[in-house]
Amino acid sequence: APAYGFSNDAFASGNQVPHGYPQHAPGAYQGVAGAGNLGAGAPPGFAAPPIQNQPVMMERTIWMPIPPSIPNCPPGLEYLTQIDQILIHQQIELLEILSGFETNNKYEIKNTLGQRVYFAAEDNDCCTRNCCGPSRPFTLRIIDNLGHEVITLQRPLRCSSCCFPCCLQELEVQAPPGTPVGYVVQNWHPCLPKFTIQDARRMDILKISGPCVVCSCCEDINFEVKSVDETATVGRISKQWTGFVKEAFTDADNFGITFPGDLDVKMKAVMIGACFLIDFMFFEHAGDKNQRTGVWQ
């Protein structure tokens, strides 16, 4: 069945969470093209053995192989134990381009091999999207390749300008849904976009610092992930340059996230949440007069 909160028509064909996806055990053969030929030529009475640990291909989408469960790891975050880099691609919405009507954002989250790890979709109402714009509160649901919601991001309505230091941005990360594992908190600074990554007990774990002017031409924009004392850089969130046409006429962005491979998977999930918060704060109105260029706006 579709994940909670989504109807079957909420996703465009070819970019959807697989509806009716078979609930195979991890590692079992999972519907790669050519499955009908596996038993061809086998001797009578013998069944073709299953192909183990193969990536899933549903409607031209290749999913990352399902990892085995890990003790004390929130269900669905096992994927993050195997990777130290994540690529996030926002999908282009034709209705939004043609009409200017703000639609719910959708993202593919992939590993460096191009295999989809998660699919993320904003769950918001029409009035909030179009009245509040990129400052809108939202719930963003992140779904694995079995259609299970494994991470929920919740952003309340807050200010983001340094002129309002008492009501800056915050994002709560839940994994599984309903269980907070961390927070992304904007820190006041007169010039730089700064954030703190906190665990479930509100203890500071990492810091994020961006450039003074959050715009560029023909190059990536980097937000450095640092230790709590900001003396060592341990990762990076990069808004990747996607070309003049796409940058000028759409707000569909590409991001890359790097983090230590041995970082707690819960903090990796919070870093993914930080990337989405940065996208909404600075890049949701790409190419128009409403595009933010810093924390003073």
Foldseek 3Di string as FASTA:
>chain_A
DAEPQDDPPPDDPLQDQDPPQDPDDFFWAGDDPPPVCQQPPPPPPDRRGTHTQAFHADSNATAHGDDDDDPPAQPLLPVLLVAFKKKKWKDFDPCCLVPVQDDWIKIFIDGPVRHTAKIKIWNDDRCQCVVVPLQGWTKMFIAGNVNYGFKIKTWHRFAQALVCQVTHTKIFIAGRPPHTFWMWTWHRDNFWTKIFIAGPVRHTAKIWIFDRWQDDPPAKGKIFIAGPVRPGTFKIKIWGDDDDVCQQRALTTMIMIGGDSPPRSSSVSVVVVVNVSVSSVARRPGNDPPGDTHRND
